[in-house]
Amino acid sequence: MGEGFTPLVDGRLGSVPIRLKLDFLAPTGSYKDRGSAVMMTQLKEMGVRRILEDSSGNAGASIAAYAALAGIEADIYVPESTSAGKMAQIESYGAHLVKVPGSREATAQAALDAADKTFYASHNWNPFFLAGMKTAAYEIAEQLGWKSPNWIVTPAGGGGLLGGLYLGFLEMVRAGFVSAMPRLAAAQSANCDPIRQAWLRGAGDIPAVAKTDTAAEGISVARPVRGKLILEAIRKSDGVVCAVTDEQIWQALDTLGEQGIYVEPTAAAAPAAAQDLLASRSIRAGETVVVMLTGSGLKATDKIVAHRAATREASAYENREINSFAGD
């Protein structure tokens, strides 16, 4: 459907120039289309007629769209707290939407329980989906004139995009298309940061962590299934993991908005992390930095509207308290 080769444009964080990879301009509004196009092509070739998938929203919408294109029936399991826009999108493609009470992990378990009867087309597990993620690396290298950036900063929950970037650049280095691996920075929510905790401890895999609600619903994954690949990607690329707060995420969303870019909060975790890396001088002056923007703001408009309303209400309350104090 025209997925891939999304724009790589100039942007800024404060006074620092960066490059923004606009993967939210994919056909279904997220970078997941890279993996869905490859996976669903293979499943159609294999003669699969019905699939199920569990998702926090974007992968489910993407797979539902490509399943429709392939003529494959799809059952998409999502947490009942998923953004309304994403759920509406899934149903618009004709998929059967299953809302699961509780956490993202409960949703995955519900899908696994149903997988004894239906093909489990998991974006987290399927190797063809991961193969599609490598195209982001190929495009960045080509758009930079077959040079690697110094840094790529990406949101990381399940770690598919991070792993795909690593594998794609690893292939290009070995083949001589580029001379070096970029440093990969994984952006996590401070409310759910299993990758960061495992990386800091020097662990070989990523154990589950307790998590709390976060604005970045798309990376709220307590235990990524590709833990070993994720940690290898970070360490072999001399990368880092940054955990950012919801406040930082909302601030980054506004910073992008001032540049004409509207993304969902999950995507804003990446520029928030890049801002931290700049502040700590991990990213040095003159280095080329690519920030992955993974999902459209249109998918999470209900949550963005709710946040804006809560912010205005809090500000109005604060002003009333100040005025009341001044009157006393």
Protein backbone atom coordinates (compact mmCIF):
# COMPACT_ATOMS: atom_id res chain seq x y z
CA MET A 1 0.00 0.00 0.00
CA GLY A 2 2.95 2.33 -0.43
CA GLU A 3 4.59 1.62 2.92
CA GLY A 4 8.23 2.59 3.37
CA PHE A 5 10.54 5.40 2.36
CA THR A 6 8.96 7.86 4.76
CA PRO A 7 10.46 11.37 4.82
CA LEU A 8 13.63 12.19 6.76
CA VAL A 9 13.30 15.89 7.54
CA ASP A 10 15.17 18.58 9.45
CA GLY A 11 14.00 19.34 12.97
CA ARG A 12 15.27 20.94 16.15
CA LEU A 13 15.43 20.27 19.86
CA GLY A 14 16.04 23.69 21.34
CA SER A 15 18.89 25.10 19.25
CA VAL A 16 20.23 21.68 18.21
CA PRO A 17 19.49 20.41 14.68
CA ILE A 18 18.31 16.81 14.37
CA ARG A 19 16.73 14.65 11.67
CA LEU A 20 13.19 13.34 12.11
CA LYS A 21 12.15 10.07 10.44
CA LEU A 22 8.42 10.50 9.84
CA ASP A 23 7.30 6.88 10.06
CA PHE A 24 3.87 7.98 11.28
CA LEU A 25 3.19 8.83 7.62
CA ALA A 26 2.93 5.12 6.76
CA PRO A 27 -0.44 4.02 5.25
CA THR A 28 -2.06 3.09 8.58
CA GLY A 29 -0.35 5.86 10.55
CA SER A 30 2.48 3.89 12.13
CA TYR A 31 5.82 2.26 11.38
CA LYS A 32 4.23 -1.17 11.97
CA ASP A 33 3.29 -1.27 8.29
CA ARG A 34 6.89 -2.22 7.50
CA GLY A 35 6.49 -5.52 9.32
CA SER A 36 2.85 -6.15 8.41
CA ALA A 37 3.53 -5.90 4.67
CA VAL A 38 6.22 -8.59 4.84
CA MET A 39 4.45 -10.89 7.31
CA MET A 40 1.05 -10.84 5.65
CA THR A 41 2.61 -11.42 2.23
CA GLN A 42 4.23 -14.58 3.59
CA LEU A 43 1.07 -15.77 5.32
CA LYS A 44 -0.98 -15.31 2.15
CA GLU A 45 1.65 -17.29 0.23
CA MET A 46 1.42 -20.03 2.89
CA GLY A 47 -2.35 -20.22 2.44
CA VAL A 48 -3.31 -18.95 5.92
CA ARG A 49 -6.96 -17.90 5.93
CA ARG A 50 -7.51 -16.60 9.46
CA ILE A 51 -5.16 -15.04 12.01
CA LEU A 52 -5.18 -13.53 15.45
CA GLU A 53 -2.90 -10.85 16.86
CA ASP A 54 -2.53 -9.04 20.19
CA SER A 55 -1.49 -5.41 20.27
CA SER A 56 -1.59 -2.15 22.19
CA GLY A 57 -3.16 -0.70 19.05
CA ASN A 58 -0.82 0.25 16.22
CA ALA A 59 0.29 -3.25 15.24
CA GLY A 60 -3.28 -4.46 15.47
CA ALA A 61 -4.50 -1.71 13.14
CA SER A 62 -1.66 -2.33 10.71
CA ILE A 63 -2.12 -6.10 10.58
CA ALA A 64 -5.89 -5.67 10.25
CA ALA A 65 -5.34 -3.43 7.21
CA TYR A 66 -2.93 -5.77 5.47
CA ALA A 67 -5.09 -8.78 6.34
CA ALA A 68 -7.99 -7.03 4.60
CA LEU A 69 -5.79 -6.42 1.57
CA ALA A 70 -4.71 -10.08 1.56
CA GLY A 71 -8.24 -11.42 2.01
CA ILE A 72 -7.38 -12.98 5.39
CA GLU A 73 -9.79 -12.84 8.33
CA ALA A 74 -8.31 -11.28 11.48
CA ASP A 75 -9.12 -11.33 15.20
CA ILE A 76 -7.31 -8.45 16.94
CA TYR A 77 -6.94 -8.51 20.73
CA VAL A 78 -6.31 -5.19 22.48
CA PRO A 79 -6.44 -3.90 26.06
CA GLU A 80 -9.79 -2.26 26.74
CA SER A 81 -7.85 0.93 27.64
CA THR A 82 -6.49 1.25 24.08
CA SER A 83 -7.02 4.63 22.41
CA ALA A 84 -10.47 4.87 20.84
CA GLY A 85 -9.01 5.96 17.52
CA LYS A 86 -6.95 2.81 17.21
CA MET A 87 -9.88 0.56 18.04
CA ALA A 88 -12.10 2.34 15.51
CA GLN A 89 -9.38 1.94 12.90
CA ILE A 90 -9.10 -1.82 13.53
CA GLU A 91 -12.84 -2.32 13.13
CA SER A 92 -12.91 -0.15 10.00
CA TYR A 93 -10.73 -2.72 8.25
CA GLY A 94 -13.30 -5.42 8.97
CA ALA A 95 -11.33 -7.19 11.68
CA HIS A 96 -12.98 -8.72 14.73
CA LEU A 97 -11.93 -6.54 17.69
CA VAL A 98 -11.57 -8.28 21.05
CA LYS A 99 -11.25 -5.91 24.04
CA VAL A 100 -9.47 -7.55 26.96
CA PRO A 101 -9.87 -6.19 30.52
CA GLY A 102 -6.64 -5.43 32.35
CA SER A 103 -3.04 -5.06 31.21
CA ARG A 104 -1.21 -5.47 27.93
CA GLU A 105 0.14 -8.74 29.34
CA ALA A 106 -3.40 -10.00 29.99
CA THR A 107 -4.18 -9.26 26.36
CA ALA A 108 -1.20 -11.30 25.18
CA GLN A 109 -2.28 -14.21 27.36
CA ALA A 110 -5.83 -14.08 26.01
CA ALA A 111 -4.45 -14.24 22.47
CA LEU A 112 -2.18 -17.16 23.34
CA ASP A 113 -5.12 -19.01 24.85
CA ALA A 114 -7.01 -18.59 21.57
CA ALA A 115 -4.04 -19.54 19.41
CA ASP A 116 -4.67 -23.28 19.66
CA LYS A 117 -7.43 -22.81 17.08
CA THR A 118 -6.23 -19.84 14.99
CA PHE A 119 -2.86 -18.94 13.46
CA TYR A 120 -1.01 -16.59 15.84
CA ALA A 121 0.33 -13.77 13.63
CA SER A 122 2.20 -12.02 16.42
CA HIS A 123 4.21 -8.94 15.52
CA ASN A 124 6.36 -9.65 18.58
CA TRP A 125 7.19 -13.24 17.69
CA ASN A 126 6.96 -13.59 13.92
CA PRO A 127 10.37 -13.44 12.18
CA PHE A 128 8.88 -12.06 8.97
CA PHE A 129 7.53 -9.05 10.86
CA LEU A 130 11.00 -8.40 12.31
CA ALA A 131 12.49 -8.68 8.82
CA GLY A 132 10.22 -5.87 7.68
CA MET A 133 11.57 -3.61 10.42
CA LYS A 134 15.03 -3.71 8.81
CA THR A 135 13.76 -1.54 5.97
CA ALA A 136 13.92 1.49 8.28
CA ALA A 137 17.70 1.06 8.49
CA TYR A 138 18.06 0.70 4.72
CA GLU A 139 16.07 3.88 4.12
CA ILE A 140 17.95 6.00 6.65
CA ALA A 141 21.28 4.98 5.13
CA GLU A 142 20.08 5.76 1.61
CA GLN A 143 18.54 9.09 2.64
CA LEU A 144 21.84 10.12 4.23
CA GLY A 145 23.81 9.29 1.09
CA TRP A 146 24.82 5.80 2.25
CA LYS A 147 26.24 7.08 5.51
CA SER A 148 25.27 6.02 9.02
CA PRO A 149 24.08 8.68 11.46
CA ASN A 150 25.96 8.91 14.73
CA TRP A 151 22.77 8.21 16.69
CA ILE A 152 19.29 6.79 16.15
CA VAL A 153 16.80 7.37 18.96
CA THR A 154 13.67 5.22 18.93
CA PRO A 155 10.81 4.33 21.26
CA ALA A 156 11.27 0.80 22.59
CA GLY A 157 8.64 -1.45 24.13
CA GLY A 158 8.62 -4.82 22.42
CA GLY A 159 11.84 -3.77 20.71
CA GLY A 160 10.94 -4.75 17.14
CA LEU A 161 12.01 -1.46 15.56
CA LEU A 162 15.17 -1.30 17.67
CA GLY A 163 16.05 -4.86 16.67
CA GLY A 164 15.27 -4.19 13.03
CA LEU A 165 17.47 -1.08 12.95
CA TYR A 166 20.32 -3.06 14.49
CA LEU A 167 20.01 -6.03 12.12
CA GLY A 168 19.61 -3.79 9.08
CA PHE A 169 22.70 -1.72 9.81
CA LEU A 170 24.63 -4.85 10.76
CA GLU A 171 23.91 -6.27 7.30
CA MET A 172 24.92 -3.03 5.59
CA VAL A 173 28.18 -2.76 7.53
CA ARG A 174 29.08 -6.35 6.64
CA ALA A 175 28.19 -5.76 2.99
CA GLY A 176 30.18 -2.52 2.84
CA PHE A 177 27.23 -0.22 2.11
CA VAL A 178 27.99 1.86 5.23
CA SER A 179 31.15 2.09 7.29
CA ALA A 180 29.81 2.06 10.85
CA MET A 181 26.95 1.05 13.10
CA PRO A 182 25.04 4.02 14.55
CA ARG A 183 24.65 4.22 18.30
CA LEU A 184 21.13 3.10 19.17
CA ALA A 185 19.24 4.82 21.97
CA ALA A 186 16.12 3.11 23.30
CA ALA A 187 13.49 5.45 24.74
CA GLN A 188 11.34 3.96 27.50
CA SER A 189 8.68 5.29 29.83
CA ALA A 190 9.84 5.75 33.42
CA ASN A 191 6.59 3.99 34.39
CA CYS A 192 7.57 0.85 32.45
CA ASP A 193 11.31 0.45 31.83
CA PRO A 194 12.32 -3.25 31.82
CA ILE A 195 14.90 -2.70 29.06
CA ARG A 196 16.62 0.05 31.02
CA GLN A 197 16.67 -1.96 34.23
CA ALA A 198 18.15 -5.04 32.53
CA TRP A 199 20.71 -2.90 30.67
CA LEU A 200 21.83 -1.15 33.85
CA ARG A 201 22.27 -4.49 35.63
CA GLY A 202 24.23 -6.03 32.78
CA ALA A 203 21.64 -8.79 32.42
CA GLY A 204 21.61 -11.22 29.50
CA ASP A 205 17.83 -11.13 29.11
CA ILE A 206 14.99 -8.86 30.21
CA PRO A 207 12.85 -10.01 33.16
CA ALA A 208 9.37 -8.64 33.74
CA VAL A 209 8.89 -5.50 35.83
CA ALA A 210 5.94 -4.03 37.69
CA LYS A 211 4.54 -1.10 35.75
CA THR A 212 2.12 1.77 36.18
CA ASP A 213 -0.01 3.67 33.67
CA THR A 214 1.84 5.82 31.17
CA ALA A 215 0.94 8.21 28.37
CA ALA A 216 3.19 6.10 26.13
CA GLU A 217 0.81 3.16 25.84
CA GLY A 218 2.60 1.71 22.81
CA ILE A 219 5.80 0.97 24.76
CA SER A 220 4.15 -0.19 27.97
CA VAL A 221 5.53 -3.73 27.75
CA ALA A 222 6.51 -5.34 31.06
CA ARG A 223 8.64 -8.05 29.45
CA PRO A 224 9.74 -7.83 25.79
CA VAL A 225 9.92 -11.26 24.19
CA ARG A 226 13.04 -10.35 22.18
CA GLY A 227 15.04 -9.39 25.27
CA LYS A 228 18.36 -10.91 24.18
CA LEU A 229 18.26 -9.23 20.76
CA ILE A 230 17.33 -5.88 22.31
CA LEU A 231 20.23 -5.94 24.75
CA GLU A 232 22.63 -7.10 22.05
CA ALA A 233 21.53 -4.24 19.81
CA ILE A 234 22.14 -1.66 22.52
CA ARG A 235 25.47 -3.05 23.67
CA LYS A 236 26.95 -3.92 20.28
CA SER A 237 26.07 -0.45 19.00
CA ASP A 238 27.51 1.27 22.09
CA GLY A 239 24.00 2.54 22.69
CA VAL A 240 22.03 3.60 25.74
CA VAL A 241 18.58 3.31 27.29
CA CYS A 242 16.73 6.43 28.49
CA ALA A 243 13.63 6.43 30.68
CA VAL A 244 11.49 9.56 30.35
CA THR A 245 8.57 10.76 32.45
CA ASP A 246 5.07 11.44 31.17
CA GLU A 247 5.73 15.14 31.77
CA GLN A 248 8.74 14.99 29.45
CA ILE A 249 6.68 13.12 26.87
CA TRP A 250 3.94 15.77 26.86
CA GLN A 251 6.56 18.52 26.61
CA ALA A 252 8.17 16.78 23.63
CA LEU A 253 4.74 16.47 22.01
CA ASP A 254 4.37 20.26 22.24
CA THR A 255 7.92 20.80 20.93
CA LEU A 256 7.09 18.74 17.83
CA GLY A 257 3.76 20.52 17.45
CA GLU A 258 5.60 23.84 17.23
CA GLN A 259 7.38 22.37 14.19
CA GLY A 260 4.15 21.29 12.51
CA ILE A 261 4.38 17.64 13.56
CA TYR A 262 1.54 15.80 15.34
CA VAL A 263 2.41 12.43 16.84
CA GLU A 264 0.98 10.22 19.57
CA PRO A 265 2.57 10.32 23.04
CA THR A 266 4.41 7.03 22.50
CA ALA A 267 6.27 8.55 19.55
CA ALA A 268 7.12 11.66 21.59
CA ALA A 269 9.14 9.48 23.99
CA ALA A 270 11.96 9.43 21.41
CA PRO A 271 12.54 13.21 21.16
CA ALA A 272 12.15 13.41 24.95
CA ALA A 273 14.98 10.88 25.31
CA ALA A 274 17.07 12.71 22.70
CA GLN A 275 16.65 15.89 24.75
CA ASP A 276 18.04 14.06 27.80
CA LEU A 277 21.00 12.77 25.80
CA LEU A 278 21.73 16.29 24.60
CA ALA A 279 21.46 17.71 28.12
CA SER A 280 23.89 15.09 29.47
CA ARG A 281 26.22 15.69 26.50
CA SER A 282 26.06 12.05 25.51
CA ILE A 283 25.20 13.42 22.08
CA ARG A 284 28.01 15.79 21.14
CA ALA A 285 27.88 18.94 19.02
CA GLY A 286 27.93 18.25 15.31
CA GLU A 287 26.78 14.62 15.53
CA THR A 288 24.04 13.44 13.18
CA VAL A 289 20.99 12.35 15.17
CA VAL A 290 17.96 10.60 13.68
CA VAL A 291 14.83 10.47 15.84
CA MET A 292 12.17 7.90 14.90
CA LEU A 293 8.60 9.24 15.04
CA THR A 294 6.52 6.11 15.02
CA GLY A 295 2.79 6.86 15.34
CA SER A 296 0.35 9.55 14.25
CA GLY A 297 -1.28 11.81 16.81
CA LEU A 298 -4.62 11.13 15.14
CA LYS A 299 -4.55 7.66 16.67
CA ALA A 300 -4.52 9.03 20.23
CA THR A 301 -6.53 12.22 19.86
CA ASP A 302 -8.94 11.15 22.62
CA LYS A 303 -6.09 10.84 25.13
CA ILE A 304 -4.41 14.04 23.95
CA VAL A 305 -7.71 15.93 24.32
CA ALA A 306 -8.19 14.49 27.82
CA HIS A 307 -4.67 15.53 28.81
CA ARG A 308 -5.16 19.07 27.52
CA ALA A 309 -8.46 19.37 29.40
CA ALA A 310 -6.89 18.12 32.63
CA THR A 311 -4.00 20.55 32.20
CA ARG A 312 -6.37 23.50 31.68
CA GLU A 313 -8.44 22.48 34.69
CA ALA A 314 -5.35 22.22 36.90
CA SER A 315 -4.13 25.61 35.68
CA ALA A 316 -7.53 27.20 36.35
CA TYR A 317 -7.61 25.71 39.85
CA GLU A 318 -4.12 27.02 40.56
CA ASN A 319 -5.13 30.50 39.41
CA ARG A 320 -8.21 30.41 41.66
CA GLU A 321 -6.09 29.44 44.63
CA ILE A 322 -3.61 32.25 43.91
CA ASN A 323 -6.42 34.82 43.55
CA SER A 324 -8.08 33.56 46.73
CA PHE A 325 -4.81 33.85 48.64
CA ALA A 326 -4.24 37.36 47.27
CA GLY A 327 -7.75 38.36 48.35
CA ASP A 328 -7.13 37.13 51.88
